[in-house]
Amino acid sequence: MQMHRSFWTFSRYVLGVFGAVTIAGYLWQGWYQGRWWTVGYIYSLTVPIIAVALFIWFVFVPRNLELSEDRFAVQFPFRAPRELSWNDLRYWGSGADGILLLQFKERATYQLFLLAFPSGQRRYLVDFLARRFPERKARLWLGTRGFRW
């Protein structure tokens, strides 16, 4: 199955979270501290919000992501494509909100921002891993290293 990233799905989630946090901060400072933000300050927040959103898009959202019964192929922007065998999967599991971690033997851990993909594709990937590799689901992640006991 080829998974297709969606910039609009990604934008709705990321900008929605940043917007909610910004509104909460605005109301908190205004009501409880008596310091209402100026229009210029609010506009200046768009620069770091856009910068962080673009960072997440280019670092954690793969350009190409393909799954089959025997292999996993991924290509992130600005990086070489990788094709790995599912037999080399050491651990998989959820990291922070919306992040799926896949730790392969002798390779770095791949961090995928799943909320940039349509919900049906996200569900398919997680169900595939849970059905095929339940014994490899990590119970704890320290950084990018998974642990199971």
Protein backbone atom coordinates (compact mmCIF):
# COMPACT_ATOMS: atom_id res chain seq x y z
CA MET A 1 0.00 0.00 0.00
CA GLN A 2 1.28 3.44 -0.87
CA MET A 3 0.48 6.09 1.74
CA HIS A 4 -0.09 9.64 0.51
CA ARG A 5 0.66 12.57 2.76
CA SER A 6 -1.79 15.44 2.83
CA PHE A 7 -0.61 18.98 3.48
CA TRP A 8 -4.15 20.07 4.33
CA THR A 9 -4.65 17.32 6.90
CA PHE A 10 -1.28 18.20 8.40
CA SER A 11 -2.03 21.95 8.39
CA ARG A 12 -5.41 21.57 10.04
CA TYR A 13 -3.94 19.60 12.90
CA VAL A 14 -0.70 21.51 13.48
CA LEU A 15 -2.14 25.00 13.01
CA GLY A 16 -5.19 24.02 15.07
CA VAL A 17 -3.00 22.99 18.00
CA PHE A 18 -0.80 26.09 17.72
CA GLY A 19 -3.89 28.28 17.36
CA ALA A 20 -5.51 26.80 20.47
CA VAL A 21 -2.34 27.27 22.53
CA THR A 22 -1.93 30.84 21.26
CA ILE A 23 -5.55 31.74 22.06
CA ALA A 24 -5.23 30.20 25.53
CA GLY A 25 -2.04 32.22 26.16
CA TYR A 26 -3.68 35.41 24.88
CA LEU A 27 -6.72 35.00 27.12
CA TRP A 28 -4.66 33.97 30.14
CA GLN A 29 -2.35 36.97 29.94
CA GLY A 30 -5.21 39.32 29.19
CA TRP A 31 -7.66 38.26 31.91
CA TYR A 32 -5.34 37.12 34.68
CA GLN A 33 -2.34 39.38 34.16
CA GLY A 34 -4.01 42.38 32.54
CA ARG A 35 -1.62 42.40 29.54
CA TRP A 36 -3.51 42.14 26.26
CA TRP A 37 -1.36 41.47 23.23
CA THR A 38 -0.98 44.09 20.54
CA VAL A 39 -1.86 43.36 16.91
CA GLY A 40 1.82 43.54 15.98
CA TYR A 41 2.68 40.95 18.62
CA ILE A 42 -0.02 38.61 17.36
CA TYR A 43 1.26 38.98 13.77
CA SER A 44 4.83 38.33 14.95
CA LEU A 45 3.73 34.92 16.26
CA THR A 46 3.07 33.74 12.71
CA VAL A 47 6.81 33.53 11.98
CA PRO A 48 7.71 30.93 14.65
CA ILE A 49 4.45 29.03 14.12
CA ILE A 50 5.10 28.69 10.38
CA ALA A 51 8.77 27.84 11.00
CA VAL A 52 7.90 25.03 13.43
CA ALA A 53 5.16 23.70 11.13
CA LEU A 54 7.57 23.60 8.17
CA PHE A 55 10.22 21.91 10.32
CA ILE A 56 7.76 19.17 11.30
CA TRP A 57 6.63 18.75 7.67
CA PHE A 58 10.15 18.36 6.27
CA VAL A 59 11.63 16.27 9.09
CA PHE A 60 8.82 13.94 10.23
CA VAL A 61 6.53 13.57 7.18
CA PRO A 62 7.91 11.22 4.52
CA ARG A 63 7.52 12.11 0.87
CA ASN A 64 6.99 8.45 -0.06
CA LEU A 65 5.83 5.68 2.24
CA GLU A 66 5.05 2.21 0.95
CA LEU A 67 4.17 -0.95 2.84
CA SER A 68 3.90 -4.49 1.66
CA GLU A 69 3.83 -7.82 3.44
CA ASP A 70 7.62 -8.14 3.28
CA ARG A 71 9.09 -4.64 2.97
CA PHE A 72 8.89 -1.05 4.14
CA ALA A 73 10.01 1.76 1.81
CA VAL A 74 10.37 5.34 2.96
CA GLN A 75 11.80 8.55 1.58
CA PHE A 76 11.94 11.79 3.51
CA PRO A 77 12.60 15.14 1.82
CA PHE A 78 16.33 15.84 1.40
CA ARG A 79 17.25 12.22 2.26
CA ALA A 80 17.96 9.13 0.23
CA PRO A 81 15.18 6.57 -0.13
CA ARG A 82 15.37 3.49 2.11
CA GLU A 83 13.87 0.07 1.65
CA LEU A 84 13.87 -2.27 4.62
CA SER A 85 12.60 -5.74 5.35
CA TRP A 86 9.96 -6.15 8.03
CA ASN A 87 12.14 -8.97 9.38
CA ASP A 88 14.58 -6.26 10.52
CA LEU A 89 11.94 -4.43 12.57
CA ARG A 90 13.04 -4.43 16.20
CA TYR A 91 10.36 -2.27 17.84
CA TRP A 92 7.43 -0.10 16.84
CA GLY A 93 5.12 2.12 18.83
CA SER A 94 3.76 5.57 19.54
CA GLY A 95 5.93 8.40 20.68
CA ALA A 96 4.51 11.86 21.27
CA ASP A 97 1.08 12.80 19.96
CA GLY A 98 0.76 11.59 16.38
CA ILE A 99 4.31 10.23 16.07
CA LEU A 100 4.88 6.58 15.12
CA LEU A 101 8.36 5.21 15.78
CA LEU A 102 9.83 2.29 13.84
CA GLN A 103 13.16 0.98 15.11
CA PHE A 104 14.97 -1.32 12.69
CA LYS A 105 18.09 -3.39 13.33
CA GLU A 106 21.27 -1.62 12.27
CA ARG A 107 19.38 1.52 11.18
CA ALA A 108 18.22 4.68 12.84
CA THR A 109 14.71 4.87 14.24
CA TYR A 110 12.19 6.34 11.83
CA GLN A 111 9.82 8.90 13.29
CA LEU A 112 6.65 9.38 11.25
CA PHE A 113 4.14 12.14 11.90
CA LEU A 114 1.04 10.07 11.18
CA LEU A 115 -1.39 12.97 11.47
CA ALA A 116 -0.21 14.17 8.04
CA PHE A 117 -1.88 11.13 6.45
CA PRO A 118 -5.61 10.50 5.99
CA SER A 119 -7.18 8.61 8.90
CA GLY A 120 -7.87 5.44 6.89
CA GLN A 121 -4.20 5.14 5.92
CA ARG A 122 -3.06 5.82 9.49
CA ARG A 123 -5.39 3.17 10.81
CA TYR A 124 -4.23 0.67 8.16
CA LEU A 125 -0.56 1.13 9.12
CA VAL A 126 -1.15 0.79 12.87
CA ASP A 127 -3.49 -2.19 12.40
CA PHE A 128 -0.95 -3.82 10.08
CA LEU A 129 1.80 -3.47 12.70
CA ALA A 130 -0.45 -4.61 15.56
CA ARG A 131 -1.68 -7.64 13.62
CA ARG A 132 1.68 -8.66 12.19
CA PHE A 133 4.11 -7.69 14.99
CA PRO A 134 2.29 -7.57 18.35
CA GLU A 135 5.37 -8.98 20.12
CA ARG A 136 7.53 -6.09 18.84
CA LYS A 137 5.42 -3.22 20.17
CA ALA A 138 7.62 -1.23 22.53
CA ARG A 139 6.22 -0.43 25.95
CA LEU A 140 8.63 2.40 26.62
CA TRP A 141 10.54 4.83 24.43
CA LEU A 142 13.57 6.71 25.70
CA GLY A 143 14.35 9.12 22.94
CA THR A 144 14.37 6.99 19.82
CA ARG A 145 15.14 3.68 21.56
CA GLY A 146 12.32 1.28 22.25
CA PHE A 147 12.17 -1.16 25.16
CA ARG A 148 9.96 -4.14 25.85
CA TRP A 149 9.98 -6.44 28.86
